[in-house]
Amino acid sequence: MPLFVPALIVFAGGIWGLGRGSMWQDEATTAVIAGRSLPQLWRTLGSVDAVHGAYYLLVHELIVVFGGAVPLEVLIRVPSLLAAAAAAAGVAAVARATWSPAAGLLSGSVFAVLPVVSRYAQEGRSYALVAVAVIWGTYFLVRGRWVAYAVALAAACLLNLFAILVLPAHAVALLLGRAGAPAFRRWALAVLAGIVPAAPVA
């Protein structure tokens, strides 16, 4: 229940006004580049915006499948809305795992009502997706689920290379949590596995 409530708050707030019409410049860039054919998209990424390539491929597939049924400005914002809702659930999950169910509910709900969250829940860019990957990666770190942690880290770094900056924070968390040498070794291996897929983008 604590995970569901914050996600619902974000979803309910984000879906209102999702189809507000006009796209701003970066959203228009998403629509134009992701709307190209795969060969055209590949050629584009060879010269510009390669760091957003994974995100554009995701939106491209959404346009292919749902492009005729959903207004484009809504379609490119849907991944952000779902990711922001899942991020709120992730915040609740981290707080619940490290403190208590009540802390999870409170933390997730506070996150859910932050203006910056509602903003990026309605923006056709990759930021909410990066946030959800980092947040759930943090949850997997707390729970010692190293394979899932590596997958989340890879997703975050493929969506935005700056996501790698979460690693010092995770290292500090392990230190403060007095994790032993075996945990640090597993973390280091998971980090290596997570950043390798993003190496070509870097």
N, C-alpha and C. Protein backbone atom coordinates (compact mmCIF):
# COMPACT_ATOMS: atom_id res chain seq x y z
N MET A 1 0.80 -1.22 0.00
CA MET A 1 0.00 0.00 0.00
C MET A 1 0.83 1.28 0.00
N PRO A 2 1.90 1.41 0.84
CA PRO A 2 2.70 2.63 0.80
C PRO A 2 3.32 2.92 -0.56
N LEU A 3 3.61 1.89 -1.36
CA LEU A 3 4.18 2.12 -2.68
C LEU A 3 3.13 2.60 -3.67
N PHE A 4 1.92 2.13 -3.50
CA PHE A 4 0.85 2.44 -4.44
C PHE A 4 0.38 3.88 -4.31
N VAL A 5 0.30 4.37 -3.09
CA VAL A 5 -0.26 5.71 -2.85
C VAL A 5 0.57 6.81 -3.51
N PRO A 6 1.89 6.90 -3.28
CA PRO A 6 2.66 7.95 -3.96
C PRO A 6 2.60 7.85 -5.48
N ALA A 7 2.63 6.63 -6.01
CA ALA A 7 2.54 6.47 -7.45
C ALA A 7 1.21 7.00 -7.98
N LEU A 8 0.15 6.73 -7.26
CA LEU A 8 -1.17 7.20 -7.68
C LEU A 8 -1.25 8.73 -7.63
N ILE A 9 -0.63 9.33 -6.62
CA ILE A 9 -0.62 10.79 -6.51
C ILE A 9 0.06 11.40 -7.73
N VAL A 10 1.22 10.87 -8.10
CA VAL A 10 1.94 11.39 -9.26
C VAL A 10 1.12 11.18 -10.53
N PHE A 11 0.56 10.00 -10.68
CA PHE A 11 -0.20 9.69 -11.90
C PHE A 11 -1.42 10.59 -12.03
N ALA A 12 -2.14 10.75 -10.93
CA ALA A 12 -3.36 11.59 -10.97
C ALA A 12 -3.01 13.04 -11.28
N GLY A 13 -1.94 13.54 -10.66
CA GLY A 13 -1.56 14.92 -10.93
C GLY A 13 -0.97 15.10 -12.32
N GLY A 14 -0.22 14.10 -12.78
CA GLY A 14 0.45 14.22 -14.07
C GLY A 14 -0.46 14.04 -15.26
N ILE A 15 -1.48 13.23 -15.11
CA ILE A 15 -2.35 12.98 -16.27
C ILE A 15 -3.25 14.17 -16.57
N TRP A 16 -3.49 15.00 -15.53
CA TRP A 16 -4.28 16.22 -15.74
C TRP A 16 -3.43 17.22 -16.53
N GLY A 17 -3.90 17.59 -17.69
CA GLY A 17 -3.18 18.53 -18.54
C GLY A 17 -2.09 17.92 -19.38
N LEU A 18 -2.03 16.59 -19.44
CA LEU A 18 -0.98 15.94 -20.20
C LEU A 18 -1.06 16.30 -21.69
N GLY A 19 -2.29 16.46 -22.18
CA GLY A 19 -2.48 16.81 -23.58
C GLY A 19 -2.69 18.30 -23.77
N ARG A 20 -1.86 19.11 -23.13
CA ARG A 20 -2.08 20.55 -23.16
C ARG A 20 -1.82 21.19 -24.51
N GLY A 21 -1.36 20.38 -25.46
CA GLY A 21 -1.22 20.92 -26.82
C GLY A 21 0.23 21.10 -27.21
N SER A 22 0.66 22.34 -27.28
CA SER A 22 1.96 22.64 -27.86
C SER A 22 3.11 22.02 -27.07
N MET A 23 4.15 21.67 -27.83
CA MET A 23 5.37 21.13 -27.25
C MET A 23 6.42 22.23 -27.19
N TRP A 24 7.25 22.20 -26.16
CA TRP A 24 8.35 23.16 -26.15
C TRP A 24 9.50 22.59 -26.95
N GLN A 25 10.57 23.36 -27.13
CA GLN A 25 11.60 23.03 -28.11
C GLN A 25 12.19 21.64 -27.94
N ASP A 26 12.57 21.26 -26.71
CA ASP A 26 13.19 19.95 -26.51
C ASP A 26 12.21 18.81 -26.77
N GLU A 27 10.93 19.01 -26.41
CA GLU A 27 9.92 18.00 -26.71
C GLU A 27 9.74 17.86 -28.21
N ALA A 28 9.75 18.98 -28.91
CA ALA A 28 9.63 18.93 -30.37
C ALA A 28 10.81 18.18 -30.97
N THR A 29 11.99 18.35 -30.38
CA THR A 29 13.15 17.60 -30.84
C THR A 29 12.94 16.10 -30.65
N THR A 30 12.40 15.73 -29.49
CA THR A 30 12.07 14.32 -29.25
C THR A 30 11.13 13.80 -30.33
N ALA A 31 10.05 14.54 -30.61
CA ALA A 31 9.05 14.10 -31.58
C ALA A 31 9.65 13.97 -32.97
N VAL A 32 10.47 14.94 -33.37
CA VAL A 32 11.04 14.93 -34.72
C VAL A 32 12.04 13.79 -34.89
N ILE A 33 12.98 13.68 -33.96
CA ILE A 33 14.03 12.67 -34.11
C ILE A 33 13.48 11.27 -33.92
N ALA A 34 12.66 11.06 -32.89
CA ALA A 34 12.10 9.72 -32.64
C ALA A 34 11.11 9.32 -33.73
N GLY A 35 10.54 10.29 -34.43
CA GLY A 35 9.58 9.99 -35.48
C GLY A 35 10.21 9.57 -36.79
N ARG A 36 11.51 9.62 -36.88
CA ARG A 36 12.19 9.22 -38.11
C ARG A 36 12.27 7.70 -38.23
N SER A 37 12.51 7.23 -39.44
CA SER A 37 12.71 5.80 -39.63
C SER A 37 13.98 5.38 -38.92
N LEU A 38 14.11 4.09 -38.66
CA LEU A 38 15.31 3.61 -37.95
C LEU A 38 16.61 3.95 -38.68
N PRO A 39 16.69 3.77 -40.01
CA PRO A 39 17.93 4.18 -40.70
C PRO A 39 18.20 5.68 -40.56
N GLN A 40 17.16 6.49 -40.68
CA GLN A 40 17.34 7.94 -40.51
C GLN A 40 17.75 8.27 -39.08
N LEU A 41 17.13 7.60 -38.13
CA LEU A 41 17.46 7.83 -36.73
C LEU A 41 18.92 7.46 -36.45
N TRP A 42 19.36 6.34 -36.99
CA TRP A 42 20.74 5.91 -36.79
C TRP A 42 21.73 6.92 -37.37
N ARG A 43 21.41 7.44 -38.57
CA ARG A 43 22.29 8.44 -39.19
C ARG A 43 22.32 9.72 -38.35
N THR A 44 21.17 10.10 -37.81
CA THR A 44 21.10 11.30 -36.98
C THR A 44 21.97 11.15 -35.74
N LEU A 45 21.86 9.99 -35.09
CA LEU A 45 22.62 9.77 -33.86
C LEU A 45 24.12 9.67 -34.12
N GLY A 46 24.50 9.46 -35.38
CA GLY A 46 25.91 9.43 -35.72
C GLY A 46 26.56 10.80 -35.69
N SER A 47 25.73 11.84 -35.69
CA SER A 47 26.29 13.20 -35.72
C SER A 47 25.80 14.09 -34.58
N VAL A 48 24.58 13.86 -34.09
CA VAL A 48 24.05 14.69 -33.00
C VAL A 48 23.24 13.84 -32.02
N ASP A 49 23.22 14.27 -30.76
CA ASP A 49 22.32 13.71 -29.75
C ASP A 49 22.47 12.21 -29.49
N ALA A 50 23.67 11.68 -29.72
CA ALA A 50 23.86 10.24 -29.47
C ALA A 50 23.59 9.88 -28.02
N VAL A 51 23.83 10.84 -27.10
CA VAL A 51 23.62 10.54 -25.68
C VAL A 51 22.16 10.28 -25.35
N HIS A 52 21.26 10.69 -26.22
CA HIS A 52 19.83 10.43 -26.01
C HIS A 52 19.32 9.30 -26.90
N GLY A 53 20.23 8.56 -27.50
CA GLY A 53 19.84 7.55 -28.46
C GLY A 53 18.89 6.50 -27.92
N ALA A 54 19.18 5.98 -26.73
CA ALA A 54 18.31 4.94 -26.15
C ALA A 54 16.90 5.48 -25.92
N TYR A 55 16.83 6.72 -25.45
CA TYR A 55 15.51 7.33 -25.22
C TYR A 55 14.76 7.51 -26.53
N TYR A 56 15.44 8.00 -27.56
CA TYR A 56 14.77 8.20 -28.85
C TYR A 56 14.29 6.87 -29.43
N LEU A 57 15.06 5.81 -29.24
CA LEU A 57 14.63 4.49 -29.74
C LEU A 57 13.36 4.03 -29.03
N LEU A 58 13.28 4.27 -27.72
CA LEU A 58 12.08 3.92 -26.97
C LEU A 58 10.87 4.68 -27.50
N VAL A 59 11.01 5.99 -27.65
CA VAL A 59 9.90 6.80 -28.14
C VAL A 59 9.56 6.45 -29.58
N HIS A 60 10.57 6.12 -30.36
CA HIS A 60 10.33 5.69 -31.75
C HIS A 60 9.39 4.50 -31.79
N GLU A 61 9.64 3.51 -30.94
CA GLU A 61 8.79 2.32 -30.93
C GLU A 61 7.37 2.67 -30.48
N LEU A 62 7.23 3.58 -29.54
CA LEU A 62 5.89 4.01 -29.13
C LEU A 62 5.15 4.67 -30.29
N ILE A 63 5.86 5.50 -31.04
CA ILE A 63 5.23 6.17 -32.19
C ILE A 63 4.82 5.15 -33.24
N VAL A 64 5.67 4.16 -33.47
CA VAL A 64 5.34 3.12 -34.45
C VAL A 64 4.07 2.39 -34.05
N VAL A 65 3.95 2.05 -32.75
CA VAL A 65 2.83 1.23 -32.29
C VAL A 65 1.56 2.06 -32.09
N PHE A 66 1.69 3.24 -31.49
CA PHE A 66 0.51 4.00 -31.08
C PHE A 66 0.35 5.34 -31.80
N GLY A 67 1.23 5.62 -32.77
CA GLY A 67 1.26 6.94 -33.38
C GLY A 67 -0.03 7.42 -33.99
N GLY A 68 -0.81 6.52 -34.54
CA GLY A 68 -2.05 6.96 -35.17
C GLY A 68 -3.21 7.10 -34.21
N ALA A 69 -3.08 6.54 -33.02
CA ALA A 69 -4.20 6.49 -32.09
C ALA A 69 -4.15 7.54 -30.99
N VAL A 70 -2.97 8.06 -30.71
CA VAL A 70 -2.77 8.99 -29.59
C VAL A 70 -2.11 10.25 -30.12
N PRO A 71 -2.59 11.44 -29.72
CA PRO A 71 -1.92 12.67 -30.14
C PRO A 71 -0.44 12.63 -29.78
N LEU A 72 0.40 13.12 -30.68
CA LEU A 72 1.84 12.98 -30.52
C LEU A 72 2.34 13.63 -29.24
N GLU A 73 1.81 14.80 -28.89
CA GLU A 73 2.30 15.48 -27.69
C GLU A 73 1.97 14.69 -26.43
N VAL A 74 0.88 13.92 -26.46
CA VAL A 74 0.53 13.06 -25.33
C VAL A 74 1.42 11.82 -25.33
N LEU A 75 1.59 11.24 -26.48
CA LEU A 75 2.32 9.99 -26.60
C LEU A 75 3.76 10.12 -26.09
N ILE A 76 4.43 11.21 -26.44
CA ILE A 76 5.83 11.33 -26.03
C ILE A 76 5.95 11.66 -24.54
N ARG A 77 4.84 12.07 -23.90
CA ARG A 77 4.88 12.37 -22.46
C ARG A 77 4.49 11.18 -21.59
N VAL A 78 3.85 10.19 -22.18
CA VAL A 78 3.39 9.04 -21.40
C VAL A 78 4.53 8.30 -20.70
N PRO A 79 5.68 8.03 -21.37
CA PRO A 79 6.76 7.36 -20.63
C PRO A 79 7.22 8.13 -19.40
N SER A 80 7.25 9.46 -19.50
CA SER A 80 7.66 10.28 -18.35
C SER A 80 6.65 10.19 -17.22
N LEU A 81 5.37 10.19 -17.57
CA LEU A 81 4.33 10.08 -16.54
C LEU A 81 4.44 8.75 -15.80
N LEU A 82 4.56 7.67 -16.54
CA LEU A 82 4.67 6.35 -15.91
C LEU A 82 5.96 6.23 -15.10
N ALA A 83 7.05 6.79 -15.63
CA ALA A 83 8.32 6.73 -14.91
C ALA A 83 8.28 7.54 -13.63
N ALA A 84 7.67 8.71 -13.66
CA ALA A 84 7.58 9.54 -12.45
C ALA A 84 6.74 8.84 -11.38
N ALA A 85 5.66 8.19 -11.79
CA ALA A 85 4.85 7.44 -10.83
C ALA A 85 5.65 6.29 -10.23
N ALA A 86 6.39 5.58 -11.07
CA ALA A 86 7.23 4.49 -10.58
C ALA A 86 8.37 5.00 -9.70
N ALA A 87 8.86 6.20 -9.99
CA ALA A 87 9.91 6.80 -9.16
C ALA A 87 9.38 7.11 -7.77
N ALA A 88 8.16 7.61 -7.68
CA ALA A 88 7.55 7.88 -6.36
C ALA A 88 7.42 6.58 -5.57
N ALA A 89 7.01 5.52 -6.25
CA ALA A 89 6.93 4.22 -5.57
C ALA A 89 8.32 3.77 -5.13
N GLY A 90 9.34 4.07 -5.95
CA GLY A 90 10.70 3.70 -5.59
C GLY A 90 11.21 4.44 -4.36
N VAL A 91 10.89 5.73 -4.27
CA VAL A 91 11.28 6.48 -3.08
C VAL A 91 10.63 5.85 -1.84
N ALA A 92 9.36 5.52 -1.96
CA ALA A 92 8.67 4.86 -0.85
C ALA A 92 9.32 3.52 -0.51
N ALA A 93 9.73 2.79 -1.53
CA ALA A 93 10.35 1.48 -1.30
C ALA A 93 11.68 1.61 -0.58
N VAL A 94 12.47 2.60 -0.98
CA VAL A 94 13.77 2.81 -0.32
C VAL A 94 13.57 3.17 1.15
N ALA A 95 12.67 4.12 1.41
CA ALA A 95 12.43 4.55 2.80
C ALA A 95 11.84 3.42 3.64
N ARG A 96 10.99 2.63 3.01
CA ARG A 96 10.40 1.49 3.74
C ARG A 96 11.47 0.46 4.09
N ALA A 97 12.38 0.21 3.13
CA ALA A 97 13.42 -0.80 3.36
C ALA A 97 14.45 -0.34 4.38
N THR A 98 14.68 0.97 4.46
CA THR A 98 15.72 1.47 5.35
C THR A 98 15.18 1.97 6.68
N TRP A 99 13.86 2.17 6.76
CA TRP A 99 13.32 2.70 8.01
C TRP A 99 12.04 1.99 8.42
N SER A 100 10.89 2.32 7.75
CA SER A 100 9.62 1.72 8.17
C SER A 100 8.57 1.96 7.09
N PRO A 101 7.46 1.21 7.10
CA PRO A 101 6.38 1.46 6.15
C PRO A 101 5.84 2.89 6.23
N ALA A 102 5.73 3.43 7.45
CA ALA A 102 5.24 4.80 7.60
C ALA A 102 6.19 5.79 6.94
N ALA A 103 7.50 5.58 7.14
CA ALA A 103 8.48 6.44 6.50
C ALA A 103 8.41 6.32 4.98
N GLY A 104 8.13 5.12 4.51
CA GLY A 104 7.98 4.92 3.07
C GLY A 104 6.81 5.71 2.51
N LEU A 105 5.69 5.63 3.19
CA LEU A 105 4.50 6.35 2.74
C LEU A 105 4.74 7.85 2.75
N LEU A 106 5.33 8.35 3.82
CA LEU A 106 5.58 9.78 3.95
C LEU A 106 6.59 10.26 2.90
N SER A 107 7.69 9.56 2.77
CA SER A 107 8.73 9.96 1.82
C SER A 107 8.22 9.94 0.38
N GLY A 108 7.55 8.85 0.04
CA GLY A 108 7.02 8.76 -1.32
C GLY A 108 5.98 9.82 -1.61
N SER A 109 5.16 10.14 -0.62
CA SER A 109 4.10 11.15 -0.82
C SER A 109 4.69 12.55 -0.94
N VAL A 110 5.71 12.85 -0.13
CA VAL A 110 6.38 14.16 -0.25
C VAL A 110 7.02 14.30 -1.63
N PHE A 111 7.70 13.25 -2.06
CA PHE A 111 8.29 13.26 -3.40
C PHE A 111 7.22 13.49 -4.46
N ALA A 112 6.08 12.83 -4.29
CA ALA A 112 5.02 12.88 -5.29
C ALA A 112 4.43 14.28 -5.49
N VAL A 113 4.45 15.11 -4.45
CA VAL A 113 3.83 16.43 -4.57
C VAL A 113 4.85 17.54 -4.86
N LEU A 114 6.11 17.19 -5.04
CA LEU A 114 7.10 18.21 -5.38
C LEU A 114 6.81 18.77 -6.78
N PRO A 115 6.85 20.08 -6.95
CA PRO A 115 6.57 20.66 -8.28
C PRO A 115 7.49 20.15 -9.37
N VAL A 116 8.77 19.91 -9.04
CA VAL A 116 9.70 19.43 -10.06
C VAL A 116 9.30 18.05 -10.56
N VAL A 117 8.69 17.24 -9.70
CA VAL A 117 8.24 15.91 -10.12
C VAL A 117 7.08 16.02 -11.10
N SER A 118 6.10 16.86 -10.77
CA SER A 118 4.96 17.03 -11.69
C SER A 118 5.40 17.64 -13.01
N ARG A 119 6.42 18.49 -12.97
CA ARG A 119 6.92 19.08 -14.21
C ARG A 119 7.48 18.01 -15.13
N TYR A 120 8.40 17.21 -14.60
CA TYR A 120 9.05 16.22 -15.45
C TYR A 120 8.17 15.01 -15.74
N ALA A 121 7.09 14.86 -14.97
CA ALA A 121 6.12 13.81 -15.29
C ALA A 121 5.35 14.14 -16.56
N GLN A 122 5.39 15.42 -16.97
CA GLN A 122 4.64 15.86 -18.15
C GLN A 122 5.56 16.34 -19.26
N GLU A 123 6.79 15.94 -19.22
CA GLU A 123 7.74 16.43 -20.22
C GLU A 123 8.25 15.29 -21.08
N GLY A 124 8.17 15.47 -22.38
CA GLY A 124 8.59 14.44 -23.32
C GLY A 124 10.10 14.39 -23.50
N ARG A 125 10.81 14.18 -22.39
CA ARG A 125 12.26 14.02 -22.40
C ARG A 125 12.60 12.85 -21.46
N SER A 126 13.88 12.57 -21.31
CA SER A 126 14.29 11.34 -20.63
C SER A 126 14.43 11.47 -19.12
N TYR A 127 14.26 12.67 -18.56
CA TYR A 127 14.66 12.91 -17.18
C TYR A 127 13.91 12.05 -16.16
N ALA A 128 12.63 11.88 -16.32
CA ALA A 128 11.87 11.05 -15.38
C ALA A 128 12.30 9.59 -15.48
N LEU A 129 12.65 9.15 -16.68
CA LEU A 129 13.11 7.77 -16.84
C LEU A 129 14.47 7.55 -16.16
N VAL A 130 15.33 8.56 -16.26
CA VAL A 130 16.62 8.48 -15.56
C VAL A 130 16.38 8.40 -14.06
N ALA A 131 15.47 9.25 -13.58
CA ALA A 131 15.18 9.28 -12.14
C ALA A 131 14.68 7.93 -11.64
N VAL A 132 13.78 7.31 -12.38
CA VAL A 132 13.23 6.04 -11.90
C VAL A 132 14.30 4.96 -11.90
N ALA A 133 15.20 4.98 -12.88
CA ALA A 133 16.28 3.98 -12.91
C ALA A 133 17.23 4.18 -11.73
N VAL A 134 17.56 5.42 -11.42
CA VAL A 134 18.47 5.70 -10.31
C VAL A 134 17.82 5.34 -8.97
N ILE A 135 16.54 5.71 -8.82
CA ILE A 135 15.85 5.46 -7.55
C ILE A 135 15.69 3.96 -7.29
N TRP A 136 15.24 3.22 -8.29
CA TRP A 136 15.10 1.78 -8.09
C TRP A 136 16.46 1.10 -8.00
N GLY A 137 17.47 1.67 -8.67
CA GLY A 137 18.83 1.17 -8.48
C GLY A 137 19.27 1.30 -7.03
N THR A 138 18.89 2.42 -6.41
CA THR A 138 19.20 2.63 -5.00
C THR A 138 18.49 1.60 -4.13
N TYR A 139 17.24 1.30 -4.49
CA TYR A 139 16.51 0.27 -3.74
C TYR A 139 17.21 -1.09 -3.86
N PHE A 140 17.63 -1.43 -5.08
CA PHE A 140 18.31 -2.72 -5.27
C PHE A 140 19.65 -2.75 -4.53
N LEU A 141 20.31 -1.60 -4.44
CA LEU A 141 21.54 -1.51 -3.65
C LEU A 141 21.26 -1.83 -2.18
N VAL A 142 20.21 -1.19 -1.65
CA VAL A 142 19.85 -1.40 -0.25
C VAL A 142 19.52 -2.86 0.03
N ARG A 143 18.86 -3.48 -0.92
CA ARG A 143 18.44 -4.87 -0.72
C ARG A 143 19.51 -5.88 -1.13
N GLY A 144 20.62 -5.41 -1.69
CA GLY A 144 21.68 -6.32 -2.11
C GLY A 144 21.33 -7.16 -3.32
N ARG A 145 20.49 -6.64 -4.18
CA ARG A 145 20.11 -7.35 -5.40
C ARG A 145 21.00 -6.84 -6.54
N TRP A 146 22.16 -7.45 -6.67
CA TRP A 146 23.22 -6.88 -7.48
C TRP A 146 22.96 -6.95 -8.97
N VAL A 147 22.32 -8.00 -9.45
CA VAL A 147 22.01 -8.09 -10.88
C VAL A 147 21.01 -7.01 -11.25
N ALA A 148 19.97 -6.88 -10.46
CA ALA A 148 18.98 -5.83 -10.72
C ALA A 148 19.62 -4.44 -10.62
N TYR A 149 20.53 -4.28 -9.67
CA TYR A 149 21.25 -3.01 -9.52
C TYR A 149 22.03 -2.69 -10.79
N ALA A 150 22.74 -3.67 -11.32
CA ALA A 150 23.52 -3.47 -12.54
C ALA A 150 22.62 -3.10 -13.71
N VAL A 151 21.48 -3.74 -13.83
CA VAL A 151 20.54 -3.44 -14.92
C VAL A 151 20.00 -2.02 -14.79
N ALA A 152 19.63 -1.63 -13.57
CA ALA A 152 19.12 -0.28 -13.34
C ALA A 152 20.19 0.76 -13.64
N LEU A 153 21.42 0.49 -13.23
CA LEU A 153 22.52 1.42 -13.50
C LEU A 153 22.78 1.54 -15.00
N ALA A 154 22.75 0.43 -15.70
CA ALA A 154 22.94 0.46 -17.15
C ALA A 154 21.85 1.29 -17.82
N ALA A 155 20.61 1.08 -17.41
CA ALA A 155 19.50 1.84 -17.99
C ALA A 155 19.67 3.33 -17.73
N ALA A 156 20.01 3.68 -16.50
CA ALA A 156 20.18 5.09 -16.15
C ALA A 156 21.29 5.73 -16.98
N CYS A 157 22.43 5.05 -17.11
CA CYS A 157 23.56 5.62 -17.83
C CYS A 157 23.31 5.68 -19.34
N LEU A 158 22.57 4.72 -19.87
CA LEU A 158 22.23 4.78 -21.29
C LEU A 158 21.28 5.93 -21.58
N LEU A 159 20.41 6.24 -20.62
CA LEU A 159 19.47 7.34 -20.81
C LEU A 159 20.12 8.70 -20.57
N ASN A 160 21.12 8.75 -19.69
CA ASN A 160 21.84 9.99 -19.41
C ASN A 160 23.15 9.65 -18.73
N LEU A 161 24.25 9.97 -19.37
CA LEU A 161 25.56 9.60 -18.82
C LEU A 161 25.83 10.21 -17.46
N PHE A 162 25.21 11.36 -17.16
CA PHE A 162 25.42 11.99 -15.86
C PHE A 162 24.88 11.15 -14.71
N ALA A 163 24.07 10.13 -15.02
CA ALA A 163 23.56 9.25 -13.97
C ALA A 163 24.68 8.51 -13.26
N ILE A 164 25.85 8.44 -13.90
CA ILE A 164 26.98 7.76 -13.26
C ILE A 164 27.42 8.49 -11.98
N LEU A 165 27.01 9.74 -11.84
CA LEU A 165 27.37 10.51 -10.65
C LEU A 165 26.68 9.99 -9.39
N VAL A 166 25.74 9.07 -9.54
CA VAL A 166 25.11 8.48 -8.36
C VAL A 166 26.07 7.51 -7.66
N LEU A 167 27.09 7.07 -8.35
CA LEU A 167 27.97 6.05 -7.78
C LEU A 167 28.72 6.51 -6.53
N PRO A 168 29.26 7.74 -6.48
CA PRO A 168 29.87 8.18 -5.21
C PRO A 168 28.88 8.18 -4.05
N ALA A 169 27.63 8.59 -4.33
CA ALA A 169 26.61 8.57 -3.26
C ALA A 169 26.34 7.15 -2.79
N HIS A 170 26.30 6.21 -3.71
CA HIS A 170 26.08 4.82 -3.33
C HIS A 170 27.27 4.27 -2.54
N ALA A 171 28.47 4.68 -2.93
CA ALA A 171 29.66 4.24 -2.19
C ALA A 171 29.62 4.77 -0.75
N VAL A 172 29.21 6.03 -0.59
CA VAL A 172 29.10 6.60 0.75
C VAL A 172 28.03 5.86 1.55
N ALA A 173 26.91 5.52 0.88
CA ALA A 173 25.85 4.78 1.57
C ALA A 173 26.36 3.44 2.09
N LEU A 174 27.16 2.77 1.29
CA LEU A 174 27.74 1.50 1.73
C LEU A 174 28.68 1.70 2.91
N LEU A 175 29.47 2.77 2.86
CA LEU A 175 30.38 3.06 3.96
C LEU A 175 29.62 3.36 5.25
N LEU A 176 28.61 4.21 5.13
CA LEU A 176 27.83 4.57 6.32
C LEU A 176 27.04 3.38 6.86
N GLY A 177 26.67 2.48 5.95
CA GLY A 177 25.97 1.28 6.37
C GLY A 177 26.90 0.19 6.86
N ARG A 178 28.20 0.51 6.87
CA ARG A 178 29.21 -0.42 7.36
C ARG A 178 29.16 -1.77 6.63
N ALA A 179 29.00 -1.65 5.31
CA ALA A 179 29.03 -2.87 4.49
C ALA A 179 30.43 -3.45 4.53
N GLY A 180 30.51 -4.74 4.54
CA GLY A 180 31.80 -5.41 4.59
C GLY A 180 32.45 -5.50 3.23
N ALA A 181 33.65 -6.03 3.20
CA ALA A 181 34.41 -6.16 1.96
C ALA A 181 33.68 -7.00 0.90
N PRO A 182 33.00 -8.10 1.29
CA PRO A 182 32.26 -8.85 0.25
C PRO A 182 31.19 -8.02 -0.45
N ALA A 183 30.47 -7.19 0.32
CA ALA A 183 29.44 -6.33 -0.28
C ALA A 183 30.07 -5.32 -1.23
N PHE A 184 31.22 -4.76 -0.84
CA PHE A 184 31.89 -3.80 -1.72
C PHE A 184 32.37 -4.47 -3.00
N ARG A 185 32.83 -5.70 -2.90
CA ARG A 185 33.27 -6.41 -4.10
C ARG A 185 32.09 -6.66 -5.04
N ARG A 186 30.96 -7.10 -4.47
CA ARG A 186 29.78 -7.33 -5.30
C ARG A 186 29.30 -6.03 -5.94
N TRP A 187 29.34 -4.96 -5.15
CA TRP A 187 28.94 -3.65 -5.69
C TRP A 187 29.85 -3.24 -6.84
N ALA A 188 31.15 -3.41 -6.67
CA ALA A 188 32.10 -3.03 -7.71
C ALA A 188 31.86 -3.83 -8.99
N LEU A 189 31.60 -5.11 -8.85
CA LEU A 189 31.31 -5.94 -10.03
C LEU A 189 30.01 -5.51 -10.70
N ALA A 190 28.99 -5.19 -9.89
CA ALA A 190 27.72 -4.72 -10.44
C ALA A 190 27.89 -3.38 -11.15
N VAL A 191 28.72 -2.51 -10.58
CA VAL A 191 28.99 -1.21 -11.22
C VAL A 191 29.67 -1.43 -12.57
N LEU A 192 30.65 -2.30 -12.60
CA LEU A 192 31.36 -2.58 -13.85
C LEU A 192 30.39 -3.11 -14.91
N ALA A 193 29.54 -4.06 -14.50
CA ALA A 193 28.56 -4.61 -15.44
C ALA A 193 27.56 -3.55 -15.87
N GLY A 194 27.25 -2.62 -14.98
CA GLY A 194 26.27 -1.60 -15.31
C GLY A 194 26.78 -0.52 -16.24
N ILE A 195 28.05 -0.16 -16.12
CA ILE A 195 28.56 0.94 -16.94
C ILE A 195 29.10 0.50 -18.30
N VAL A 196 29.42 -0.77 -18.45
CA VAL A 196 29.94 -1.26 -19.72
C VAL A 196 28.99 -0.99 -20.89
N PRO A 197 27.66 -1.24 -20.75
CA PRO A 197 26.78 -0.96 -21.89
C PRO A 197 26.76 0.50 -22.34
N ALA A 198 27.06 1.41 -21.41
CA ALA A 198 27.04 2.83 -21.75
C ALA A 198 28.37 3.31 -22.32
N ALA A 199 29.39 2.47 -22.29
CA ALA A 199 30.72 2.89 -22.76
C ALA A 199 30.72 3.39 -24.21
N PRO A 200 30.02 2.72 -25.15
CA PRO A 200 30.01 3.25 -26.51
C PRO A 200 29.38 4.64 -26.60
N VAL A 201 28.38 4.92 -25.79
CA VAL A 201 27.76 6.24 -25.79
C VAL A 201 28.76 7.28 -25.26
N ALA A 202 29.48 6.91 -24.21
CA ALA A 202 30.48 7.83 -23.66
C ALA A 202 31.56 8.12 -24.68
